Amino acid sequence: MRNRPFRHLVSRDLIWMCLVLLGLLLLAVPFLTSGPDVWLEIDWIDGRKLFSIDDAYRYFAAKNAFRVPTIFLWNYVMPLALLFDAIVAALSFDNLLVMRLSHAVVGILTLVVIARASLRSGCHPILAAASVLIVGLMPLYVVISSSFYAEGLFGLLLAVAFLLLIEERNTLLAIIVGLLPLVRPEGGIYCLLFLIYFGLRRDAKLGALVALPSLIYLVVFLLHSGDGISFLGWRLELRNILSPTLGQQSGPGFSLDRLLNPLWCGLALGSLLIRRYRKWWPILLGPWVLVGIQALTITRGMQDFELRYLFSVIPVFGIAWALPIHYLFQAESKLRFHQSLITFLTAAIFLTTLAGHMLQSEWLRQLYDQLGSSEHSLAKGQDIERDPGQGLKRFNPKPLRAFAGRVDAYVGTHKDVQTIFVANPIPLYFLDFLENGPHIETVLIPHNANITANSDGYFFGFSLTTLSYRYFKFVPPDSAQPASAMLILNDSGYSPFTHLTFGEKTSPDISLAHGKKGIAANIQSGSMQAFAVAYSSRDSVQWSFPDP
C-alpha cells in the first residue's frame, strides 16, 4: 500500500512530464527554423530539405487562399488542410512563425491523443509514455509538426479516429473518417475500410457520414474543372518531365527502415493477430495498405520515395506497437513468459527504435560521424580536422526579406506587371504582392532551369490563378512596350531562363542587364534577382531527353 502513491507518480506523471518536454521541443523548432534573425537548417530529413519547394508553395497558397479563392480547388493542397492554414494566416496576418507554431500545437495535440488512446486501450501508463517518446522524438515527426505539409493535421485526425474507435463513439468516428480525404489523399484508404466496416455492421447511416464529405468535394470539383483528368493532369505532365532527369531517387538510398523499424512495426502488425484488438482492424490495417500502394507506385516509377509520404503510419504504429506487449504482460502466466524477460525485450525494442529513428536527421548523422572520427583520431594521437561544409547550417533571412519587400514595392508601382514567374521557392515565404494585386497571375516553375535545354528554351509553369499549366519561353521585349511580367530566380552563374550571366555579388538597386536575347530590368538584393521580362507561351512542347 505504501508504494501506490510512488507508482502513481512514476506512471501517470511520467506521461505528463514527457508531454511537457516534447511540447517544448516542438514549440522550439519554429523559433529555430523561422525566427526573425537566424534560421537553423535542421529540416534535412533522409537527404531531403523539407522546408523547401513543397513547404513554401503551401505557405504561399494558404496566405493567399482568401484573396484567390480558386486555390481551394488546387489538388496540390486538399481543401480542409488549406482552410486550416488560411484561417491561421488571416488571424496572424500571414506571420510565418505564428503559422509554424500553430502546426507545432497540432503535433502536441497528436501526442496527447496517442497517450490517451494507449491508456484507453488498456496499456500501462509506462507503455503509453514510451509510445509518446518514440513518436515525439522522431526527427521526421518533429520537423513535419512545424511544416505546412498536411500530414501533421492528417496524423492528428487519424489518432483521434483511433481513439474514438477504441471508445466506440461511432458517430463522431464516422464524421472524422469522412473528413480525412479532404486533408490528404490517403484518407480515401480509411474511408474505404470504414465503409466496409460499417457495411458489415449494416449501419447505413454511419456509412453515409463517411462517404458524404468526399462525394460533395468530388461533385464541386467536377463542376468547376469540367473533367476529372484535369485534377491530375498537371501532376502527370510534370512527372513526365522530371522522371528522365531525376531518375529513381529511391534506388540505393532507399531508407524505409529509418521509419519502419522492423521490431516496432512488427509489434504493430502483431496487434492484428490478437483477438481482443482485431476489432480495430480498419485503423490497424490502413497503414499497411498505404505501404503497399507506395511500394507499388515507387517500383513502377510513378513517384519518388519521400519519408514523409508514410508519415500517417506514425500515430497508428505509435499506439499499436504497445498492444502486443500489454497482452504479453497480462498473459505471462499462461504463456510461461517471465515478466523480467518481457520488460527487457520491451526496453530493447524501445531503445533500438529510438536510435534507428535518429538516423532520419541528416545533421544528427553528421554529428555522429564527426564524433566517431574524432574518437578514432584521438585514439591514434592525430590532429582533428573539421570539414567546414559539415555541421548545422545557418541561413540569414534578412536579405531575402528585404529583396521581397523591394519586389512587392516594384510591382505596386508598376501596374503593367501582370504575371510573376517564381523559379526559386524560398522568396514565397516573404512575397506579398497578391495582397494588393490579387489579379496578378502567379506562375510557379517547379523544375531546374537546365531542363530548358531539352525543350528549345521552353519551361513548365503552373498558374496558381488559373490552376492550369502551360509552357513558357522568355523573349526579347518590344522596345515600344514595357514588359508585362517578372521573373524571380537565383542570381549566381548562367541562367538558361534569361540567357544572362550573374555574379556572386549584387547591389540593392534597380538597373538594366543586357543580354544577347533581350533586356531585363533587375531588382537585386542578397542572393536573389527579379527581372522584368516578356514571354511567349504554348500548350505543349516536344521534349528531347537523351537516352540514359
Protein backbone atom coordinates (compact mmCIF):
# COMPACT_ATOMS: atom_id res chain seq x y z
CA MET A 1 0.00 0.00 0.00
CA ARG A 2 2.86 2.37 0.77
CA ASN A 3 4.20 2.07 -2.76
CA ARG A 4 0.96 3.03 -4.54
CA PRO A 5 1.48 6.82 -4.42
CA PHE A 6 5.02 6.37 -5.71
CA ARG A 7 3.86 4.06 -8.52
CA HIS A 8 1.15 6.53 -9.46
CA LEU A 9 3.77 9.30 -9.62
CA VAL A 10 6.11 7.21 -11.74
CA SER A 11 3.37 6.20 -14.20
CA ARG A 12 0.75 8.92 -14.75
CA ASP A 13 3.02 11.85 -14.00
CA LEU A 14 5.67 10.34 -16.27
CA ILE A 15 3.29 10.73 -19.20
CA TRP A 16 2.65 14.39 -18.42
CA MET A 17 6.34 15.06 -17.95
CA CYS A 18 7.06 13.51 -21.35
CA LEU A 19 4.28 15.52 -22.98
CA VAL A 20 5.51 18.79 -21.47
CA LEU A 21 9.14 18.22 -22.51
CA LEU A 22 8.20 17.08 -26.01
CA GLY A 23 5.79 20.00 -26.30
CA LEU A 24 8.62 22.42 -25.52
CA LEU A 25 10.76 20.69 -28.14
CA LEU A 26 8.07 21.01 -30.82
CA LEU A 27 7.45 24.66 -29.94
CA ALA A 28 11.18 25.41 -30.12
CA VAL A 29 11.54 24.19 -33.71
CA PRO A 30 9.59 27.10 -35.32
CA PHE A 31 11.75 29.61 -33.44
CA LEU A 32 14.92 27.82 -34.58
CA THR A 33 13.87 27.45 -38.23
CA SER A 34 11.76 30.58 -38.84
CA GLY A 35 12.88 33.13 -36.27
CA PRO A 36 13.48 36.81 -37.07
CA ASP A 37 17.28 36.68 -37.32
CA VAL A 38 18.77 33.23 -38.00
CA TRP A 39 17.22 30.08 -39.42
CA LEU A 40 18.87 26.79 -38.49
CA GLU A 41 18.60 24.20 -41.25
CA ILE A 42 17.61 21.25 -39.07
CA ASP A 43 14.92 20.28 -41.56
CA TRP A 44 17.14 17.98 -43.65
CA ILE A 45 15.48 14.58 -43.25
CA ASP A 46 16.69 11.50 -45.10
CA GLY A 47 18.57 13.55 -47.69
CA ARG A 48 15.74 15.99 -48.40
CA LYS A 49 15.19 19.54 -47.21
CA LEU A 50 11.57 19.60 -46.03
CA PHE A 51 11.27 23.38 -45.66
CA SER A 52 11.73 23.91 -49.38
CA ILE A 53 9.60 23.94 -52.51
CA ASP A 54 6.59 21.95 -51.25
CA ASP A 55 6.50 23.73 -47.90
CA ALA A 56 6.92 27.19 -49.47
CA TYR A 57 4.19 26.54 -52.05
CA ARG A 58 1.75 25.52 -49.35
CA TYR A 59 2.51 28.55 -47.19
CA PHE A 60 2.09 30.92 -50.15
CA ALA A 61 -1.15 29.22 -51.17
CA ALA A 62 -2.52 29.37 -47.62
CA LYS A 63 -1.89 33.06 -47.03
CA ASN A 64 -3.49 33.94 -50.38
CA ALA A 65 -6.36 31.43 -50.28
CA PHE A 66 -8.99 34.04 -49.38
CA ARG A 67 -7.57 36.51 -51.93
CA VAL A 68 -7.58 33.97 -54.78
CA PRO A 69 -10.40 31.53 -53.85
CA THR A 70 -9.70 29.24 -56.82
CA ILE A 71 -6.72 27.94 -54.84
CA PHE A 72 -9.18 25.82 -52.84
CA LEU A 73 -9.69 23.71 -55.97
CA TRP A 74 -5.96 23.11 -56.44
CA ASN A 75 -5.30 19.48 -55.57
CA TYR A 76 -1.74 20.28 -54.50
CA VAL A 77 -3.29 21.05 -51.12
CA MET A 78 -6.57 19.44 -50.07
CA PRO A 79 -9.32 21.89 -49.04
CA LEU A 80 -9.60 21.14 -45.32
CA ALA A 81 -5.86 21.43 -44.73
CA LEU A 82 -5.79 24.62 -46.80
CA LEU A 83 -8.72 26.05 -44.83
CA PHE A 84 -6.91 25.42 -41.54
CA ASP A 85 -3.79 27.24 -42.73
CA ALA A 86 -5.78 30.03 -44.39
CA ILE A 87 -7.65 30.77 -41.15
CA VAL A 88 -4.43 30.83 -39.13
CA ALA A 89 -2.84 33.06 -41.78
CA ALA A 90 -5.74 35.51 -41.60
CA LEU A 91 -5.66 35.60 -37.79
CA SER A 92 -1.87 36.01 -37.63
CA PHE A 93 -1.58 38.48 -40.54
CA ASP A 94 0.43 35.93 -42.54
CA ASN A 95 3.08 35.63 -39.83
CA LEU A 96 5.32 32.70 -40.79
CA LEU A 97 6.48 32.00 -37.23
CA VAL A 98 2.95 32.01 -35.78
CA MET A 99 1.72 29.71 -38.54
CA ARG A 100 4.52 27.23 -37.86
CA LEU A 101 3.71 27.40 -34.15
CA SER A 102 0.08 26.50 -34.92
CA HIS A 103 1.30 23.35 -36.63
CA ALA A 104 3.52 22.58 -33.66
CA VAL A 105 0.42 22.78 -31.45
CA VAL A 106 -1.22 20.21 -33.76
CA GLY A 107 1.80 17.97 -33.20
CA ILE A 108 1.48 18.36 -29.42
CA LEU A 109 -2.24 17.52 -29.54
CA THR A 110 -1.41 14.40 -31.55
CA LEU A 111 0.95 13.24 -28.80
CA VAL A 112 -1.77 13.86 -26.19
CA VAL A 113 -4.25 11.79 -28.21
CA ILE A 114 -1.69 8.98 -28.65
CA ALA A 115 -1.17 8.87 -24.88
CA ARG A 116 -4.90 8.83 -24.18
CA ALA A 117 -5.60 6.18 -26.82
CA SER A 118 -2.84 3.99 -25.42
CA LEU A 119 -4.30 4.28 -21.92
CA ARG A 120 -7.88 3.70 -23.13
CA SER A 121 -6.75 0.55 -24.93
CA GLY A 122 -5.68 -0.82 -21.56
CA CYS A 123 -1.92 -0.30 -21.81
CA HIS A 124 0.13 0.51 -18.73
CA PRO A 125 1.00 4.22 -18.34
CA ILE A 126 4.70 3.47 -18.75
CA LEU A 127 3.95 1.87 -22.13
CA ALA A 128 1.88 4.93 -23.03
CA ALA A 129 4.82 7.18 -22.09
CA ALA A 130 7.14 5.04 -24.23
CA SER A 131 4.73 5.42 -27.16
CA VAL A 132 4.77 9.19 -26.79
CA LEU A 133 8.57 9.27 -26.63
CA ILE A 134 9.03 7.09 -29.72
CA VAL A 135 6.76 9.34 -31.76
CA GLY A 136 7.68 12.71 -30.25
CA LEU A 137 11.45 12.23 -30.56
CA MET A 138 11.31 11.05 -34.16
CA PRO A 139 13.10 13.72 -36.30
CA LEU A 140 10.57 13.33 -39.12
CA TYR A 141 7.72 13.94 -36.68
CA VAL A 142 9.46 16.94 -35.09
CA VAL A 143 10.10 18.67 -38.43
CA ILE A 144 6.76 17.83 -40.08
CA SER A 145 4.99 19.17 -36.98
CA SER A 146 6.35 22.64 -37.82
CA SER A 147 5.80 22.44 -41.58
CA PHE A 148 2.87 23.30 -43.82
CA TYR A 149 2.54 19.73 -45.05
CA ALA A 150 -0.95 18.39 -44.42
CA GLU A 151 0.48 15.17 -42.97
CA GLY A 152 0.60 16.73 -39.49
CA LEU A 153 -3.11 17.58 -39.42
CA PHE A 154 -3.91 14.23 -41.01
CA GLY A 155 -1.95 12.44 -38.28
CA LEU A 156 -3.95 14.24 -35.58
CA LEU A 157 -7.30 13.32 -37.14
CA LEU A 158 -6.18 9.72 -37.62
CA ALA A 159 -5.08 9.46 -33.98
CA VAL A 160 -8.45 10.92 -32.91
CA ALA A 161 -10.20 8.35 -35.12
CA PHE A 162 -8.23 5.55 -33.43
CA LEU A 163 -9.22 6.89 -30.00
CA LEU A 164 -12.89 7.13 -31.00
CA LEU A 165 -12.77 3.58 -32.37
CA ILE A 166 -11.38 2.34 -29.05
CA GLU A 167 -14.06 4.24 -27.12
CA GLU A 168 -16.78 3.05 -29.58
CA ARG A 169 -18.04 6.57 -30.27
CA ASN A 170 -19.07 5.60 -33.77
CA THR A 171 -20.99 8.68 -34.93
CA LEU A 172 -18.14 11.07 -34.26
CA LEU A 173 -15.75 8.44 -35.62
CA ALA A 174 -17.62 8.34 -38.94
CA ILE A 175 -17.53 12.14 -39.22
CA ILE A 176 -13.77 12.29 -38.59
CA VAL A 177 -13.03 9.47 -41.04
CA GLY A 178 -15.18 11.19 -43.66
CA LEU A 179 -13.04 14.32 -43.38
CA LEU A 180 -9.72 12.50 -43.83
CA PRO A 181 -9.70 12.60 -47.69
CA LEU A 182 -10.17 16.38 -47.52
CA VAL A 183 -6.84 16.61 -45.66
CA ARG A 184 -4.70 14.05 -47.51
CA PRO A 185 -5.48 11.76 -50.48
CA GLU A 186 -4.58 8.63 -48.47
CA GLY A 187 -7.61 9.39 -46.34
CA GLY A 188 -9.53 7.56 -49.05
CA ILE A 189 -7.94 4.32 -47.81
CA TYR A 190 -9.56 4.72 -44.40
CA CYS A 191 -12.86 5.80 -45.93
CA LEU A 192 -12.97 2.59 -47.94
CA LEU A 193 -12.01 0.43 -44.94
CA PHE A 194 -14.63 2.03 -42.72
CA LEU A 195 -17.29 1.75 -45.42
CA ILE A 196 -16.61 -2.00 -45.31
CA TYR A 197 -16.54 -1.90 -41.50
CA PHE A 198 -19.91 -0.16 -41.16
CA GLY A 199 -21.29 -2.20 -44.06
CA LEU A 200 -20.55 -5.42 -42.17
CA ARG A 201 -22.36 -3.88 -39.20
CA ARG A 202 -25.25 -2.92 -41.53
CA ASP A 203 -25.15 0.68 -40.40
CA ALA A 204 -26.08 2.72 -43.47
CA LYS A 205 -26.25 6.00 -41.55
CA LEU A 206 -22.63 5.84 -40.43
CA GLY A 207 -21.56 4.68 -43.88
CA ALA A 208 -23.23 7.76 -45.37
CA LEU A 209 -21.41 10.02 -42.90
CA VAL A 210 -18.12 8.51 -44.05
CA ALA A 211 -18.82 8.91 -47.77
CA LEU A 212 -20.67 12.25 -47.87
CA PRO A 213 -17.79 14.79 -47.49
CA SER A 214 -15.71 13.21 -50.26
CA LEU A 215 -18.71 12.96 -52.59
CA ILE A 216 -19.56 16.63 -52.06
CA TYR A 217 -15.97 17.68 -52.77
CA LEU A 218 -15.85 15.48 -55.87
CA VAL A 219 -19.07 16.98 -57.26
CA VAL A 220 -17.92 20.55 -56.60
CA PHE A 221 -14.56 19.90 -58.19
CA LEU A 222 -16.01 18.24 -61.30
CA LEU A 223 -18.45 21.12 -61.76
CA HIS A 224 -15.58 23.60 -61.79
CA SER A 225 -12.92 21.58 -63.60
CA GLY A 226 -15.05 20.21 -66.41
CA ASP A 227 -13.39 16.79 -66.46
CA GLY A 228 -11.73 14.55 -63.92
CA ILE A 229 -8.42 14.16 -65.74
CA SER A 230 -7.57 17.83 -65.16
CA PHE A 231 -7.38 17.00 -61.47
CA LEU A 232 -4.17 15.07 -62.08
CA GLY A 233 -3.20 16.46 -65.49
CA TRP A 234 -0.56 18.91 -64.31
CA ARG A 235 0.96 16.30 -61.97
CA LEU A 236 1.22 13.71 -64.73
CA GLU A 237 2.72 16.24 -67.14
CA LEU A 238 5.31 17.40 -64.62
CA ARG A 239 6.13 13.80 -63.77
CA ASN A 240 6.88 13.09 -67.43
CA ILE A 241 9.33 16.00 -67.40
CA LEU A 242 11.09 15.20 -64.14
CA SER A 243 11.40 11.42 -64.49
CA PRO A 244 14.06 11.39 -67.25
CA THR A 245 16.19 13.96 -65.43
CA LEU A 246 15.82 12.91 -61.82
CA GLY A 247 15.61 9.15 -62.23
CA GLN A 248 14.58 6.96 -59.36
CA GLN A 249 15.78 8.75 -56.25
CA SER A 250 14.60 5.84 -54.17
CA GLY A 251 17.22 3.48 -55.59
CA PRO A 252 20.31 2.70 -53.49
CA GLY A 253 19.41 5.35 -50.92
CA PHE A 254 16.02 3.81 -50.17
CA SER A 255 15.77 4.17 -46.37
CA LEU A 256 12.38 2.83 -45.40
CA ASP A 257 13.88 1.12 -42.35
CA ARG A 258 14.58 4.52 -40.79
CA LEU A 259 10.83 4.93 -40.37
CA LEU A 260 9.51 1.38 -40.39
CA ASN A 261 11.75 -0.15 -37.73
CA PRO A 262 11.17 -3.92 -38.13
CA LEU A 263 10.64 -4.56 -34.40
CA TRP A 264 8.39 -1.55 -33.89
CA CYS A 265 6.32 -2.24 -36.99
CA GLY A 266 6.29 -5.98 -36.34
CA LEU A 267 4.61 -5.41 -33.00
CA ALA A 268 2.09 -3.06 -34.63
CA LEU A 269 1.30 -5.73 -37.21
CA GLY A 270 1.09 -8.34 -34.46
CA SER A 271 -1.80 -6.46 -32.86
CA LEU A 272 -3.96 -7.61 -35.78
CA LEU A 273 -3.34 -11.22 -34.73
CA ILE A 274 -4.69 -10.76 -31.20
CA ARG A 275 -8.43 -11.31 -30.93
CA ARG A 276 -9.19 -8.51 -28.48
CA TYR A 277 -7.57 -5.92 -30.76
CA ARG A 278 -8.71 -7.34 -34.07
CA LYS A 279 -11.99 -5.41 -33.81
CA TRP A 280 -9.99 -2.25 -34.55
CA TRP A 281 -8.86 -3.62 -37.90
CA PRO A 282 -9.83 -0.62 -40.11
CA ILE A 283 -7.26 1.60 -38.39
CA LEU A 284 -4.68 -1.14 -37.82
CA LEU A 285 -4.83 -2.32 -41.44
CA GLY A 286 -4.81 1.14 -43.07
CA PRO A 287 -1.05 1.82 -42.73
CA TRP A 288 -0.19 -1.48 -44.40
CA VAL A 289 -2.47 -0.71 -47.33
CA LEU A 290 -0.70 2.65 -47.67
CA VAL A 291 2.74 1.00 -47.53
CA GLY A 292 1.65 -1.43 -50.26
CA ILE A 293 0.36 1.37 -52.50
CA GLN A 294 3.54 3.39 -52.00
CA ALA A 295 5.71 0.38 -52.80
CA LEU A 296 3.71 -0.27 -55.98
CA THR A 297 3.88 3.32 -57.26
CA ILE A 298 7.59 3.63 -56.48
CA THR A 299 8.61 0.37 -58.15
CA ARG A 300 6.56 1.30 -61.23
CA GLY A 301 8.32 4.67 -61.47
CA MET A 302 5.16 6.69 -60.82
CA GLN A 303 6.77 8.65 -57.97
CA ASP A 304 9.97 9.01 -55.99
CA PHE A 305 10.21 7.93 -52.39
CA GLU A 306 9.98 10.53 -49.64
CA LEU A 307 9.86 9.53 -46.00
CA ARG A 308 7.04 11.97 -45.29
CA TYR A 309 4.67 10.08 -47.61
CA LEU A 310 4.39 7.47 -44.85
CA PHE A 311 4.02 9.98 -42.02
CA SER A 312 0.44 8.89 -41.36
CA VAL A 313 1.59 5.45 -40.18
CA ILE A 314 3.39 7.06 -37.22
CA PRO A 315 0.40 7.75 -34.90
CA VAL A 316 -1.15 4.35 -35.66
CA PHE A 317 2.06 2.42 -35.05
CA GLY A 318 2.76 4.67 -32.07
CA ILE A 319 -0.36 3.29 -30.39
CA ALA A 320 -0.46 -0.23 -31.84
CA TRP A 321 3.10 -1.33 -31.04
CA ALA A 322 2.33 -1.42 -27.29
CA LEU A 323 -0.79 -3.60 -27.64
CA PRO A 324 1.01 -6.98 -28.04
CA ILE A 325 3.39 -6.07 -25.21
CA HIS A 326 0.47 -5.30 -22.91
CA TYR A 327 -1.11 -8.59 -23.96
CA LEU A 328 2.09 -10.50 -23.09
CA PHE A 329 2.28 -8.88 -19.66
CA GLN A 330 -1.29 -9.98 -18.96
CA ALA A 331 -0.80 -13.48 -20.36
CA GLU A 332 2.65 -14.18 -18.89
CA SER A 333 1.39 -16.91 -16.56
CA LYS A 334 -0.40 -18.77 -19.35
CA LEU A 335 2.41 -18.37 -21.88
CA ARG A 336 5.11 -19.07 -19.26
CA PHE A 337 6.98 -15.88 -20.06
CA HIS A 338 8.87 -14.33 -17.19
CA GLN A 339 7.94 -10.70 -16.58
CA SER A 340 11.58 -9.59 -16.42
CA LEU A 341 12.21 -11.09 -19.87
CA ILE A 342 9.26 -9.18 -21.35
CA THR A 343 10.47 -5.99 -19.67
CA PHE A 344 13.98 -6.46 -21.05
CA LEU A 345 12.72 -7.11 -24.58
CA THR A 346 10.40 -4.10 -24.40
CA ALA A 347 13.24 -1.84 -23.28
CA ALA A 348 15.48 -3.19 -26.05
CA ILE A 349 12.82 -2.57 -28.72
CA PHE A 350 12.16 0.91 -27.34
CA LEU A 351 15.83 1.91 -27.38
CA THR A 352 16.65 0.40 -30.79
CA THR A 353 13.58 2.09 -32.29
CA LEU A 354 14.62 5.47 -30.88
CA ALA A 355 18.19 5.02 -32.11
CA GLY A 356 17.06 3.95 -35.57
CA HIS A 357 14.73 6.92 -35.91
CA MET A 358 17.55 9.35 -35.04
CA LEU A 359 19.24 8.36 -38.32
CA GLN A 360 16.47 10.20 -40.19
CA SER A 361 18.13 13.52 -39.35
CA GLU A 362 21.00 14.50 -41.63
CA TRP A 363 22.68 16.80 -39.13
CA LEU A 364 22.43 14.21 -36.34
CA ARG A 365 24.10 11.67 -38.62
CA GLN A 366 26.82 14.18 -39.44
CA LEU A 367 27.31 14.87 -35.74
CA TYR A 368 27.59 11.14 -35.05
CA ASP A 369 30.11 10.72 -37.88
CA GLN A 370 32.17 13.65 -36.61
CA LEU A 371 32.21 12.28 -33.07
CA GLY A 372 33.23 8.87 -34.37
CA SER A 373 36.06 10.27 -36.49
CA SER A 374 37.21 12.44 -33.58
CA GLU A 375 37.44 9.47 -31.23
CA HIS A 376 39.31 7.48 -33.88
CA SER A 377 41.79 10.33 -34.45
CA LEU A 378 42.32 10.90 -30.73
CA ALA A 379 42.98 7.21 -30.21
CA LYS A 380 45.74 7.40 -32.83
CA GLY A 381 47.10 10.67 -31.48
CA GLN A 382 46.23 12.53 -34.70
CA ASP A 383 45.03 16.11 -35.02
CA ILE A 384 41.33 16.53 -35.72
CA GLU A 385 40.42 18.25 -38.98
CA ARG A 386 36.93 19.71 -39.28
CA ASP A 387 35.13 19.93 -42.59
CA PRO A 388 33.69 23.47 -42.72
CA GLY A 389 30.94 22.26 -45.03
CA GLN A 390 29.60 19.86 -42.43
CA GLY A 391 27.53 20.55 -39.36
CA LEU A 392 24.43 22.60 -38.70
CA LYS A 393 23.95 25.24 -41.40
CA ARG A 394 22.51 28.68 -40.74
CA PHE A 395 20.51 30.94 -43.01
CA ASN A 396 20.05 34.69 -42.62
CA PRO A 397 16.56 35.65 -43.87
CA LYS A 398 17.08 39.42 -43.67
CA PRO A 399 18.49 39.96 -47.20
CA LEU A 400 15.77 37.82 -48.71
CA ARG A 401 13.12 39.64 -46.69
CA ALA A 402 14.48 42.96 -47.99
CA PHE A 403 14.51 41.58 -51.53
CA ALA A 404 10.87 40.51 -51.26
CA GLY A 405 9.90 43.94 -49.97
CA ARG A 406 11.65 45.55 -52.94
CA VAL A 407 9.81 43.26 -55.36
CA ASP A 408 6.45 44.00 -53.73
CA ALA A 409 7.13 47.74 -53.92
CA TYR A 410 8.17 47.49 -57.58
CA VAL A 411 5.05 45.56 -58.50
CA GLY A 412 2.91 48.02 -56.55
CA THR A 413 4.19 50.98 -58.57
CA HIS A 414 4.48 49.26 -61.96
CA LYS A 415 0.91 48.29 -62.73
CA ASP A 416 1.95 46.88 -66.10
CA VAL A 417 3.30 43.76 -64.35
CA GLN A 418 0.51 41.23 -64.76
CA THR A 419 2.41 37.95 -64.30
CA ILE A 420 5.14 36.89 -61.88
CA PHE A 421 7.22 33.77 -62.54
CA VAL A 422 8.81 32.23 -59.44
CA ALA A 423 11.76 29.98 -60.29
CA ASN A 424 13.02 29.71 -56.70
CA PRO A 425 10.53 28.82 -53.95
CA ILE A 426 12.23 30.43 -50.93
CA PRO A 427 11.05 34.03 -51.71
CA LEU A 428 7.47 32.75 -51.44
CA TYR A 429 7.91 32.87 -47.65
CA PHE A 430 8.22 36.67 -47.92
CA LEU A 431 6.48 37.90 -51.10
CA ASP A 432 3.16 39.70 -50.51
CA PHE A 433 2.37 41.14 -53.94
CA LEU A 434 -1.02 39.37 -54.08
CA GLU A 435 -2.18 41.29 -51.02
CA ASN A 436 -2.65 44.44 -53.11
CA GLY A 437 -2.76 42.79 -56.52
CA PRO A 438 -4.84 39.59 -56.43
CA HIS A 439 -5.27 39.95 -60.19
CA ILE A 440 -1.58 39.21 -60.78
CA GLU A 441 -1.06 35.77 -62.26
CA THR A 442 1.46 33.75 -60.24
CA VAL A 443 3.30 31.10 -62.25
CA LEU A 444 5.32 28.53 -60.30
CA ILE A 445 8.29 26.88 -62.04
CA PRO A 446 8.82 23.53 -60.26
CA HIS A 447 11.92 22.30 -62.07
CA ASN A 448 15.55 23.17 -62.70
CA ALA A 449 16.31 25.73 -65.40
CA ASN A 450 18.70 23.34 -67.17
CA ILE A 451 15.73 21.28 -68.33
CA THR A 452 15.00 24.01 -70.90
CA ALA A 453 17.92 22.66 -72.95
CA ASN A 454 15.67 19.72 -73.84
CA SER A 455 12.70 21.82 -74.95
CA ASP A 456 14.08 24.60 -77.15
CA GLY A 457 14.10 27.01 -74.23
CA TYR A 458 10.56 26.34 -73.01
CA PHE A 459 9.83 25.56 -69.37
CA PHE A 460 6.87 24.15 -67.48
CA GLY A 461 4.86 26.66 -65.45
CA PHE A 462 1.81 26.14 -63.26
CA SER A 463 -0.53 29.10 -62.78
CA LEU A 464 -1.80 29.48 -59.24
CA THR A 465 -4.52 31.79 -60.54
CA THR A 466 -5.98 29.70 -63.37
CA LEU A 467 -4.96 26.30 -61.91
CA SER A 468 -3.58 25.24 -65.28
CA TYR A 469 -0.17 24.60 -66.76
CA ARG A 470 1.45 25.98 -69.89
CA TYR A 471 4.89 26.11 -71.43
CA PHE A 472 6.64 29.46 -71.39
CA LYS A 473 9.69 30.97 -73.05
CA PHE A 474 11.19 34.37 -72.37
CA VAL A 475 11.62 36.52 -75.47
CA PRO A 476 13.15 39.96 -76.16
CA PRO A 477 10.64 42.60 -75.05
CA ASP A 478 9.23 45.09 -77.51
CA SER A 479 11.10 48.35 -77.01
CA ALA A 480 7.88 50.25 -77.63
CA GLN A 481 6.05 48.46 -74.81
CA PRO A 482 7.10 47.71 -71.24
CA ALA A 483 7.48 44.09 -70.19
CA SER A 484 4.33 42.75 -68.53
CA ALA A 485 5.89 40.02 -66.39
CA MET A 486 8.57 39.49 -63.76
CA LEU A 487 10.89 36.54 -63.17
CA ILE A 488 12.35 35.70 -59.73
CA LEU A 489 15.37 33.41 -59.58
CA ASN A 490 18.82 32.84 -58.09
CA ASP A 491 21.37 35.29 -59.46
CA SER A 492 24.58 33.25 -59.37
CA GLY A 493 26.05 31.98 -62.63
CA TYR A 494 24.49 31.49 -66.05
CA SER A 495 20.70 31.28 -66.21
CA PRO A 496 19.13 29.24 -69.02
CA PHE A 497 15.90 31.13 -68.31
CA THR A 498 17.22 34.57 -69.31
CA HIS A 499 20.48 33.67 -71.10
CA LEU A 500 22.29 36.11 -68.83
CA THR A 501 25.25 35.53 -66.51
CA PHE A 502 25.14 36.91 -62.97
CA GLY A 503 27.92 37.46 -60.45
CA GLU A 504 28.01 36.30 -56.85
CA LYS A 505 27.67 39.86 -55.53
CA THR A 506 24.76 42.15 -56.30
CA SER A 507 23.82 45.67 -55.35
CA PRO A 508 20.47 46.63 -53.80
CA ASP A 509 19.22 48.81 -56.62
CA ILE A 510 17.34 48.74 -59.88
CA SER A 511 19.44 48.56 -63.02
CA LEU A 512 19.39 47.23 -66.57
CA ALA A 513 21.02 43.98 -67.64
CA HIS A 514 21.79 43.48 -71.33
CA GLY A 515 21.88 40.06 -72.92
CA LYS A 516 22.07 38.64 -76.41
CA LYS A 517 18.41 37.75 -76.39
CA GLY A 518 16.82 40.60 -74.51
CA ILE A 519 16.96 43.38 -71.95
CA ALA A 520 15.60 42.86 -68.46
CA ALA A 521 15.21 45.24 -65.51
CA ASN A 522 16.95 43.87 -62.40
CA ILE A 523 15.87 44.23 -58.81
CA GLN A 524 18.85 42.99 -56.82
CA SER A 525 19.40 42.07 -53.20
CA GLY A 526 21.19 39.31 -51.37
CA SER A 527 21.38 36.16 -53.46
CA MET A 528 18.20 36.69 -55.49
CA GLN A 529 17.22 38.74 -58.55
CA ALA A 530 13.98 39.71 -60.22
CA PHE A 531 13.71 40.69 -63.89
CA ALA A 532 11.01 42.41 -65.86
CA VAL A 533 10.58 40.16 -68.88
CA ALA A 534 8.39 39.40 -71.86
CA TYR A 535 7.35 35.86 -72.72
CA SER A 536 5.52 33.64 -75.15
CA SER A 537 3.56 30.52 -74.25
CA ARG A 538 2.13 27.37 -75.76
CA ASP A 539 0.08 24.42 -74.55
CA SER A 540 2.63 21.70 -75.28
CA VAL A 541 6.25 21.18 -76.32
CA GLN A 542 8.35 18.38 -77.75
CA TRP A 543 10.89 17.16 -75.21
CA SER A 544 14.18 15.63 -76.36
CA PHE A 545 15.77 13.90 -73.39
CA PRO A 546 18.96 11.92 -74.09
CA ASP A 547 18.84 8.20 -73.51
CA PRO A 548 20.12 7.21 -70.03
